[in-house]
Amino acid sequence: MPSLRSLLLACCLLGSATAFAGNALDNKVIRVGTSADYPPITTTAEGKVVGIDADLAAELGKRTGKDFQFKVLPWSSLIMALEQGDIDVIMSGMSITPERAEKVAFTTPYFSVGQMAIIRVEDLARFSSPLKILQPNVRVGFVADTTGAKYVKQFAGMTTLRSVASVEPALQALLNGEIDCLVHDSMTSWMVDKERRYSSLMSLRNPMTQEELAWAVSKDQPQLLELLNSNLAAMLEDGTVDKAVNQWIPVRATKE
């Protein structure tokens, strides 16, 4: 016969499971997971999360009456944190992929990007097109656990691949000559165009892939997904999303 302590523990565990399966919208605070290492989507400044998604989260708060609070986590742990109920939504510039869609529910996309090659300006003659990076003596950097990583790994053996933890260390490695090229999405290329500290770098600007960015929630939270989608649709329609993007990316150069 189980002891009273065992019964109480079982009740507590059952209560925790019930809370985990509850509706996130029952709470005033919506916990937002982000890696905060992907400017201009999210980064940190003066101890706060800032960027496009931060601005959109603030606008969501005004429209829904909820308090969207950011929690900074490593990129590789965001989906696990969502599955475990540690956060309610991921806002971190996540591309929609079939593999991720098996684990999370994505909102309507709010931005389109594509992988681009970033090089040092002095190497333009060497890399006049993205195809010229596919040489064994070229050190191609990529950010681990991203769609850029998936893209470049198909060329393993044709070029030398170097994994870097996040965007800014990857760009620094390129500046320092530790890698010859960085493959990351167009958000990073536009940031390089904008930031004076990266004036010695340039993007080849020809998108090598086409991807859609979206927010992600647990598949057990359909009401939260509906709330995000309805407000996102309104923000796309009334120009709020464009305003946030244009504030953080005033120049978006392209090359045919």
Protein backbone atom coordinates (compact mmCIF):
# COMPACT_ATOMS: atom_id res chain seq x y z
CA MET A 1 0.00 0.00 0.00
CA PRO A 2 1.50 3.41 -0.96
CA SER A 3 2.48 5.76 1.82
CA LEU A 4 0.85 9.15 2.38
CA ARG A 5 4.07 10.79 1.19
CA SER A 6 3.97 8.82 -2.07
CA LEU A 7 0.36 9.81 -2.65
CA LEU A 8 1.12 13.49 -2.02
CA LEU A 9 4.10 13.34 -4.40
CA ALA A 10 1.93 11.74 -7.07
CA CYS A 11 -0.66 14.48 -6.65
CA CYS A 12 2.02 17.17 -6.99
CA LEU A 13 3.37 15.56 -10.14
CA LEU A 14 -0.14 15.30 -11.58
CA GLY A 15 -0.72 18.95 -10.76
CA SER A 16 2.50 19.91 -12.52
CA ALA A 17 1.52 17.91 -15.61
CA THR A 18 -1.88 19.59 -15.64
CA ALA A 19 -0.27 23.03 -15.36
CA PHE A 20 2.14 22.15 -18.17
CA ALA A 21 -0.77 21.24 -20.43
CA GLY A 22 -2.68 24.41 -19.53
CA ASN A 23 -3.52 27.32 -21.78
CA ALA A 24 -0.68 29.84 -21.95
CA LEU A 25 -3.27 32.59 -22.46
CA ASP A 26 -4.52 32.04 -18.91
CA ASN A 27 -1.38 33.87 -17.80
CA LYS A 28 -0.68 37.59 -17.99
CA VAL A 29 2.97 36.93 -18.91
CA ILE A 30 3.88 35.27 -22.21
CA ARG A 31 7.42 33.89 -21.91
CA VAL A 32 9.41 34.55 -25.08
CA GLY A 33 12.53 32.54 -25.82
CA THR A 34 15.27 34.08 -27.95
CA SER A 35 18.98 33.52 -28.47
CA ALA A 36 19.53 37.32 -28.70
CA ASP A 37 22.61 36.76 -30.88
CA TYR A 38 21.09 37.43 -34.27
CA PRO A 39 20.97 41.16 -34.95
CA PRO A 40 18.86 42.85 -36.13
CA ILE A 41 16.20 40.22 -35.23
CA THR A 42 17.21 40.12 -31.57
CA THR A 43 20.33 41.14 -29.72
CA THR A 44 21.06 42.75 -26.36
CA ALA A 45 21.84 46.37 -25.50
CA GLU A 46 22.21 47.72 -21.97
CA GLY A 47 20.89 44.47 -20.55
CA LYS A 48 17.72 44.45 -22.67
CA VAL A 49 16.64 42.41 -25.67
CA VAL A 50 16.27 44.71 -28.68
CA GLY A 51 15.65 44.28 -32.38
CA ILE A 52 12.85 43.62 -34.84
CA ASP A 53 11.24 40.84 -32.82
CA ALA A 54 11.54 42.85 -29.61
CA ASP A 55 9.68 45.76 -31.22
CA LEU A 56 6.99 43.42 -32.55
CA ALA A 57 6.65 41.74 -29.15
CA ALA A 58 6.14 45.15 -27.53
CA GLU A 59 3.44 45.92 -30.10
CA LEU A 60 1.80 42.55 -29.43
CA GLY A 61 1.70 43.47 -25.76
CA LYS A 62 -0.15 46.70 -26.53
CA ARG A 63 -2.67 44.92 -28.74
CA THR A 64 -3.32 41.88 -26.57
CA GLY A 65 -2.88 43.17 -23.03
CA LYS A 66 -0.29 40.46 -22.39
CA ASP A 67 3.22 41.04 -21.06
CA PHE A 68 5.68 39.49 -23.53
CA GLN A 69 8.83 38.90 -21.47
CA PHE A 70 12.05 37.72 -23.11
CA LYS A 71 14.18 34.89 -21.81
CA VAL A 72 17.62 34.56 -23.41
CA LEU A 73 18.63 30.97 -24.13
CA PRO A 74 21.21 29.27 -26.36
CA TRP A 75 19.90 28.88 -29.92
CA SER A 76 20.29 25.10 -29.79
CA SER A 77 18.03 24.80 -26.71
CA LEU A 78 15.09 26.96 -27.84
CA ILE A 79 12.90 24.19 -29.26
CA MET A 80 13.60 21.93 -26.28
CA ALA A 81 12.66 24.76 -23.90
CA LEU A 82 9.39 25.19 -25.79
CA GLU A 83 8.64 21.46 -25.69
CA GLN A 84 9.38 21.34 -21.96
CA GLY A 85 7.12 24.30 -21.22
CA ASP A 86 9.90 26.61 -20.05
CA ILE A 87 8.84 29.23 -22.62
CA ASP A 88 5.61 29.90 -24.51
CA VAL A 89 6.88 31.22 -27.85
CA ILE A 90 10.15 31.43 -29.79
CA MET A 91 10.94 34.81 -31.37
CA SER A 92 14.47 34.42 -32.65
CA GLY A 93 14.53 34.64 -36.44
CA MET A 94 13.71 30.96 -36.86
CA SER A 95 13.28 29.70 -40.42
CA ILE A 96 10.44 27.32 -41.15
CA THR A 97 11.77 23.86 -42.00
CA PRO A 98 10.00 20.48 -42.23
CA GLU A 99 12.19 19.12 -39.42
CA ARG A 100 11.28 21.96 -37.05
CA ALA A 101 7.63 21.84 -38.08
CA GLU A 102 7.46 18.28 -36.76
CA LYS A 103 8.22 19.62 -33.28
CA VAL A 104 6.60 23.08 -33.14
CA ALA A 105 3.71 25.02 -34.63
CA PHE A 106 4.84 27.98 -36.72
CA THR A 107 2.95 31.22 -37.14
CA THR A 108 2.36 32.81 -40.51
CA PRO A 109 5.76 33.90 -41.92
CA TYR A 110 6.56 37.56 -41.41
CA PHE A 111 9.80 37.91 -43.39
CA SER A 112 11.64 36.22 -46.27
CA VAL A 113 15.39 35.65 -46.23
CA GLY A 114 17.99 33.62 -48.11
CA GLN A 115 21.48 32.38 -47.38
CA MET A 116 24.21 34.71 -48.68
CA ALA A 117 28.00 34.63 -48.75
CA ILE A 118 29.83 37.37 -46.83
CA ILE A 119 33.50 37.99 -47.64
CA ARG A 120 36.21 40.56 -46.99
CA VAL A 121 36.13 43.42 -49.52
CA GLU A 122 39.77 42.78 -50.38
CA ASP A 123 38.82 39.28 -51.57
CA LEU A 124 36.19 40.37 -54.09
CA ALA A 125 38.32 39.43 -57.09
CA ARG A 126 38.89 35.99 -55.55
CA PHE A 127 35.19 35.38 -54.87
CA SER A 128 33.38 37.17 -57.69
CA SER A 129 30.46 34.73 -57.37
CA PRO A 130 29.19 32.44 -54.57
CA LEU A 131 30.22 29.36 -56.58
CA LYS A 132 33.89 30.32 -56.19
CA ILE A 133 33.76 29.62 -52.47
CA LEU A 134 33.40 25.91 -53.28
CA GLN A 135 37.10 25.14 -53.29
CA PRO A 136 39.02 22.88 -50.86
CA ASN A 137 41.35 25.68 -49.77
CA VAL A 138 38.49 28.06 -48.91
CA ARG A 139 37.49 28.13 -45.23
CA VAL A 140 33.72 28.62 -45.14
CA GLY A 141 32.23 29.59 -41.79
CA PHE A 142 28.68 28.86 -40.70
CA VAL A 143 26.64 29.20 -37.51
CA ALA A 144 25.91 25.86 -35.87
CA ASP A 145 22.35 24.45 -35.87
CA THR A 146 21.05 26.88 -38.49
CA THR A 147 19.66 26.51 -41.99
CA GLY A 148 22.94 28.01 -43.19
CA ALA A 149 24.74 25.08 -41.58
CA LYS A 150 22.43 22.64 -43.34
CA TYR A 151 23.04 24.39 -46.66
CA VAL A 152 26.85 24.41 -46.54
CA LYS A 153 27.18 20.86 -45.20
CA GLN A 154 25.98 19.51 -48.53
CA PHE A 155 29.29 20.81 -49.93
CA ALA A 156 31.48 18.97 -47.40
CA GLY A 157 34.55 17.75 -49.23
CA MET A 158 34.31 20.48 -51.85
CA THR A 159 35.34 23.19 -49.38
CA THR A 160 36.67 23.48 -45.81
CA LEU A 161 33.87 24.04 -43.28
CA ARG A 162 34.24 25.84 -39.94
CA SER A 163 31.45 25.91 -37.35
CA VAL A 164 31.02 29.06 -35.19
CA ALA A 165 28.65 29.43 -32.24
CA SER A 166 26.81 32.60 -33.29
CA VAL A 167 26.70 35.45 -35.81
CA GLU A 168 28.94 38.10 -34.25
CA PRO A 169 31.83 35.73 -33.41
CA ALA A 170 31.52 34.40 -36.97
CA LEU A 171 31.84 37.91 -38.41
CA GLN A 172 34.79 38.58 -36.10
CA ALA A 173 36.45 35.39 -37.33
CA LEU A 174 36.03 36.68 -40.88
CA LEU A 175 37.52 40.06 -39.94
CA ASN A 176 40.45 38.31 -38.24
CA GLY A 177 41.17 36.14 -41.28
CA GLU A 178 40.30 32.91 -39.45
CA ILE A 179 37.76 32.07 -42.17
CA ASP A 180 37.51 33.25 -45.79
CA CYS A 181 33.74 33.44 -46.10
CA LEU A 182 30.65 33.33 -43.88
CA VAL A 183 27.41 31.83 -45.12
CA HIS A 184 24.43 33.23 -43.24
CA ASP A 185 21.07 34.63 -44.15
CA SER A 186 20.31 37.97 -45.74
CA MET A 187 19.50 39.67 -42.43
CA THR A 188 23.18 39.41 -41.57
CA SER A 189 24.22 40.68 -45.00
CA TRP A 190 22.00 43.75 -44.60
CA MET A 191 23.44 44.38 -41.13
CA VAL A 192 26.96 44.22 -42.58
CA ASP A 193 25.91 46.83 -45.17
CA LYS A 194 24.63 49.08 -42.39
CA GLU A 195 27.20 48.75 -39.59
CA ARG A 196 30.38 50.85 -39.95
CA ARG A 197 32.35 48.35 -37.85
CA TYR A 198 31.92 45.88 -40.72
CA SER A 199 32.94 48.27 -43.48
CA SER A 200 35.77 45.93 -44.56
CA LEU A 201 33.22 43.16 -45.21
CA MET A 202 30.68 42.80 -47.98
CA SER A 203 27.97 40.40 -49.09
CA LEU A 204 27.91 38.81 -52.52
CA ARG A 205 24.13 39.42 -52.17
CA ASN A 206 22.97 36.65 -54.47
CA PRO A 207 20.56 34.56 -52.32
CA MET A 208 21.47 30.89 -52.49
CA THR A 209 18.27 29.72 -50.76
CA GLN A 210 14.78 31.05 -50.05
CA GLU A 211 13.47 30.82 -46.49
CA GLU A 212 10.62 32.18 -44.38
CA LEU A 213 11.02 33.46 -40.82
CA ALA A 214 8.25 32.85 -38.31
CA TRP A 215 7.56 32.55 -34.59
CA ALA A 216 7.01 29.14 -33.01
CA VAL A 217 4.73 27.84 -30.26
CA SER A 218 4.00 24.43 -28.80
CA LYS A 219 1.57 22.29 -30.77
CA ASP A 220 -0.40 22.07 -27.51
CA GLN A 221 -1.11 25.83 -27.62
CA PRO A 222 -3.53 26.38 -30.55
CA GLN A 223 -5.16 29.40 -28.91
CA LEU A 224 -1.81 31.15 -28.48
CA LEU A 225 -1.01 30.36 -32.11
CA GLU A 226 -4.35 31.86 -33.18
CA LEU A 227 -3.72 35.00 -31.10
CA LEU A 228 -0.28 35.50 -32.63
CA ASN A 229 -1.47 34.84 -36.16
CA SER A 230 -4.44 37.22 -35.96
CA ASN A 231 -2.32 40.05 -34.59
CA LEU A 232 0.55 39.32 -36.96
CA ALA A 233 -1.86 39.50 -39.90
CA ALA A 234 -3.05 42.90 -38.69
CA MET A 235 0.53 44.15 -38.22
CA LEU A 236 1.49 42.99 -41.70
CA GLU A 237 -1.58 44.69 -43.13
CA ASP A 238 -1.20 48.04 -41.34
CA GLY A 239 2.56 48.37 -41.94
CA THR A 240 3.73 47.74 -38.36
CA VAL A 241 6.04 44.91 -39.43
CA ASP A 242 7.52 46.99 -42.27
CA LYS A 243 8.07 49.89 -39.86
CA ALA A 244 10.02 47.68 -37.44
CA VAL A 245 12.08 46.14 -40.23
CA ASN A 246 12.86 49.50 -41.83
CA GLN A 247 13.94 50.94 -38.49
CA TRP A 248 16.51 48.20 -38.02
CA ILE A 249 17.43 47.65 -41.69
CA PRO A 250 17.23 51.03 -43.43
CA VAL A 251 19.27 49.78 -46.38
CA ARG A 252 18.56 46.48 -48.12
CA ALA A 253 20.87 46.27 -51.11
CA THR A 254 20.23 43.58 -53.70
CA LYS A 255 22.09 42.38 -56.73
CA GLU A 256 20.56 40.52 -59.66
